[in-house]
Amino acid sequence: MNDQISPWVQRYAPLVPGGAVLDLACGSGRHARHLAVLGHEVVAVDRDASALAAACGPGITTSAIDLEEEGAAWPFGPHRFAGIVITNYLHRPLMADMLGSLAPNGVLIYETFAAGNEQFGKPSNPAFLLQPGELLALAVGHGLRVVAFEDGVIDHPKAAMVQRLCAVKPDFPREAALLPPF
């Protein structure tokens, strides 16, 4: 289990405006806890109830939901979340509904495995790997403005091929998307 906060999430989480944040496929809650410390009410969702037990904490509501179960409907309404954070998870049928739950000035922070990851191990199934530019196309196709995008190899916490995206809805103020340099 990796309890270290993703540097990508850590860098872009301060952009999320006040309001509730969804940590989708949260695992043991490493990002949920970070977002709660930043002052957000967090809805932490995962299908693994034992992982969710570790995600509990002040400002965090956990919910055991298997969104990949046949017939499962997206449980959240439109414009519900100021931010959505997803790492190491991909289930394409959720994308449109998930993005619909982002508030008009909301922030999407997404980081997951990409094609080419099979050289490093699992996941290696193409169903769980983004194709080149897929995350970028998803954001643009849903009217999001891209703040940052990366597609390549990381070496920490383990070697992997990933795509990373931070994108905002149209009502997010342009001047607020500029972060200070590292």
Protein backbone atom coordinates (compact mmCIF):
# COMPACT_ATOMS: atom_id res chain seq x y z
CA MET A 1 0.00 0.00 0.00
CA ASN A 2 1.33 3.41 -0.97
CA ASP A 3 0.37 6.09 1.56
CA GLN A 4 2.46 8.80 -0.06
CA ILE A 5 0.51 11.62 -1.68
CA SER A 6 0.98 11.85 -5.43
CA PRO A 7 3.17 14.87 -6.22
CA TRP A 8 0.72 15.67 -9.05
CA VAL A 9 -2.23 15.78 -6.66
CA GLN A 10 -0.22 17.70 -4.07
CA ARG A 11 0.78 20.31 -6.66
CA TYR A 12 -2.71 20.95 -8.08
CA ALA A 13 -4.98 20.35 -5.06
CA PRO A 14 -4.60 24.00 -3.93
CA LEU A 15 -6.47 25.05 -7.10
CA VAL A 16 -9.68 23.36 -5.94
CA PRO A 17 -12.12 26.06 -4.81
CA GLY A 18 -14.06 25.73 -1.58
CA GLY A 19 -16.60 22.95 -1.55
CA ALA A 20 -16.90 19.19 -1.55
CA VAL A 21 -14.30 17.05 -3.29
CA LEU A 22 -14.74 13.52 -4.64
CA ASP A 23 -11.81 11.14 -4.23
CA LEU A 24 -12.82 8.39 -6.65
CA ALA A 25 -11.31 4.93 -6.15
CA CYS A 26 -9.70 6.38 -3.03
CA GLY A 27 -8.14 3.19 -1.68
CA SER A 28 -6.88 3.83 1.84
CA GLY A 29 -7.54 7.57 1.55
CA ARG A 30 -4.11 9.14 1.11
CA HIS A 31 -5.55 11.91 -1.09
CA ALA A 32 -8.81 12.19 0.85
CA ARG A 33 -6.84 12.97 4.02
CA HIS A 34 -4.71 15.53 2.18
CA LEU A 35 -7.78 17.26 0.75
CA ALA A 36 -9.47 17.29 4.16
CA VAL A 37 -6.40 18.97 5.66
CA LEU A 38 -6.77 21.63 2.94
CA GLY A 39 -10.24 22.33 4.33
CA HIS A 40 -12.47 20.39 1.95
CA GLU A 41 -15.33 18.10 2.85
CA VAL A 42 -14.32 14.91 1.03
CA VAL A 43 -16.45 12.10 -0.31
CA ALA A 44 -14.12 9.10 -0.53
CA VAL A 45 -15.46 6.29 -2.73
CA ASP A 46 -14.03 2.82 -3.22
CA ARG A 47 -15.45 -0.66 -3.64
CA ASP A 48 -13.05 -2.10 -1.05
CA ALA A 49 -14.67 -1.65 2.37
CA SER A 50 -11.48 -2.59 4.22
CA ALA A 51 -9.51 0.10 2.38
CA LEU A 52 -12.25 2.61 3.17
CA ALA A 53 -11.85 1.87 6.87
CA ALA A 54 -8.36 3.35 6.62
CA ALA A 55 -9.71 6.37 4.72
CA CYS A 56 -11.95 7.53 7.56
CA GLY A 57 -11.13 10.76 9.28
CA PRO A 58 -12.34 14.27 10.09
CA GLY A 59 -14.01 15.89 7.08
CA ILE A 60 -14.17 12.60 5.14
CA THR A 61 -17.35 10.71 4.31
CA THR A 62 -16.63 7.23 2.96
CA SER A 63 -18.88 5.28 0.67
CA ALA A 64 -18.41 1.67 -0.45
CA ILE A 65 -19.70 1.64 -4.02
CA ASP A 66 -18.75 -0.73 -6.84
CA LEU A 67 -19.19 1.55 -9.83
CA GLU A 68 -18.15 -1.22 -12.20
CA GLU A 69 -20.91 -3.59 -11.14
CA GLU A 70 -23.27 -4.36 -13.99
CA GLY A 71 -26.19 -1.96 -13.93
CA ALA A 72 -24.50 0.39 -11.47
CA ALA A 73 -25.61 3.98 -11.94
CA TRP A 74 -23.49 7.04 -11.21
CA PRO A 75 -24.60 7.97 -7.66
CA PHE A 76 -23.89 11.71 -7.71
CA GLY A 77 -25.83 14.57 -9.20
CA PRO A 78 -24.65 17.25 -11.60
CA HIS A 79 -22.37 20.07 -10.47
CA ARG A 80 -21.92 18.45 -7.02
CA PHE A 81 -18.14 18.67 -6.55
CA ALA A 82 -15.67 21.56 -6.49
CA GLY A 83 -12.97 19.01 -7.26
CA ILE A 84 -12.61 15.44 -8.40
CA VAL A 85 -9.38 13.54 -7.77
CA ILE A 86 -8.63 10.19 -9.41
CA THR A 87 -5.37 8.28 -9.31
CA ASN A 88 -4.52 4.80 -10.57
CA TYR A 89 -8.06 4.12 -11.79
CA LEU A 90 -9.75 3.99 -15.17
CA HIS A 91 -13.29 2.94 -15.99
CA ARG A 92 -14.29 4.64 -19.23
CA PRO A 93 -18.09 4.16 -18.87
CA LEU A 94 -18.03 6.55 -15.87
CA MET A 95 -16.32 9.46 -17.58
CA ALA A 96 -19.25 11.51 -18.90
CA ASP A 97 -21.32 11.20 -15.70
CA MET A 98 -18.28 11.81 -13.52
CA LEU A 99 -17.38 15.00 -15.38
CA GLY A 100 -21.03 16.09 -15.16
CA SER A 101 -20.67 16.06 -11.37
CA LEU A 102 -17.95 18.70 -11.52
CA ALA A 103 -19.13 22.17 -10.48
CA PRO A 104 -19.08 24.96 -13.12
CA ASN A 105 -15.81 26.28 -11.61
CA GLY A 106 -14.53 22.84 -10.58
CA VAL A 107 -11.12 21.21 -10.91
CA LEU A 108 -10.33 17.73 -12.19
CA ILE A 109 -7.04 16.17 -11.07
CA TYR A 110 -6.42 12.84 -12.78
CA GLU A 111 -3.38 10.57 -12.89
CA THR A 112 -3.44 6.98 -14.11
CA PHE A 113 -1.63 4.37 -16.14
CA ALA A 114 -1.12 4.65 -19.89
CA ALA A 115 -0.34 2.36 -22.78
CA GLY A 116 3.27 1.26 -22.47
CA ASN A 117 2.89 0.44 -18.78
CA GLU A 118 2.98 -3.27 -19.62
CA GLN A 119 6.78 -2.99 -19.84
CA PHE A 120 6.79 -2.17 -16.11
CA GLY A 121 4.21 -4.72 -14.95
CA LYS A 122 0.58 -4.33 -14.00
CA PRO A 123 -1.76 -3.02 -15.06
CA SER A 124 -1.08 -4.36 -18.53
CA ASN A 125 -4.63 -4.92 -19.77
CA PRO A 126 -5.46 -2.26 -22.42
CA ALA A 127 -8.86 -1.77 -20.76
CA PHE A 128 -7.02 -0.17 -17.83
CA LEU A 129 -4.47 1.84 -19.82
CA LEU A 130 -5.06 5.22 -21.40
CA GLN A 131 -4.19 5.48 -25.07
CA PRO A 132 -1.82 8.26 -26.21
CA GLY A 133 -3.52 11.61 -25.65
CA GLU A 134 -6.75 9.99 -24.41
CA LEU A 135 -6.98 11.91 -21.14
CA LEU A 136 -6.25 15.19 -22.90
CA ALA A 137 -8.91 14.46 -25.54
CA LEU A 138 -11.42 13.54 -22.84
CA ALA A 139 -10.93 16.88 -21.09
CA VAL A 140 -11.13 18.96 -24.25
CA GLY A 141 -14.10 16.95 -25.52
CA HIS A 142 -16.01 17.78 -22.34
CA GLY A 143 -15.27 21.50 -22.50
CA LEU A 144 -12.59 21.58 -19.81
CA ARG A 145 -9.68 23.99 -19.96
CA VAL A 146 -6.38 22.19 -19.49
CA VAL A 147 -4.09 23.68 -16.86
CA ALA A 148 -1.43 20.95 -17.09
CA PHE A 149 -0.91 17.64 -18.88
CA GLU A 150 1.91 15.11 -18.85
CA ASP A 151 2.30 11.80 -20.64
CA GLY A 152 5.38 9.72 -19.90
CA VAL A 153 7.38 7.55 -17.54
CA ILE A 154 7.63 8.15 -13.81
CA ASP A 155 10.07 6.35 -11.53
CA HIS A 156 8.48 6.95 -8.13
CA PRO A 157 6.86 5.27 -6.23
CA LYS A 158 7.62 2.68 -8.94
CA ALA A 159 8.39 2.87 -12.63
CA ALA A 160 5.20 3.32 -14.66
CA MET A 161 3.85 4.92 -17.83
CA VAL A 162 1.23 7.49 -16.85
CA GLN A 163 -0.89 10.34 -18.07
CA ARG A 164 -1.59 13.22 -15.70
CA LEU A 165 -4.07 16.00 -16.12
CA CYS A 166 -5.28 19.02 -14.24
CA ALA A 167 -8.23 20.67 -15.99
CA VAL A 168 -10.87 23.16 -14.95
CA LYS A 169 -14.45 23.88 -15.92
CA PRO A 170 -15.15 27.05 -17.94
CA ASP A 171 -16.19 29.19 -14.94
CA PHE A 172 -12.86 28.64 -13.19
CA PRO A 173 -11.04 32.02 -13.18
CA ARG A 174 -8.04 32.00 -15.51
CA GLU A 175 -5.87 33.99 -13.12
CA ALA A 176 -6.45 31.42 -10.36
CA ALA A 177 -4.98 28.61 -12.48
CA LEU A 178 -1.45 29.94 -12.27
CA LEU A 179 0.59 28.28 -9.55
CA PRO A 180 3.89 29.60 -8.27
CA PRO A 181 6.94 27.77 -9.65
CA PHE A 182 8.30 24.80 -7.71
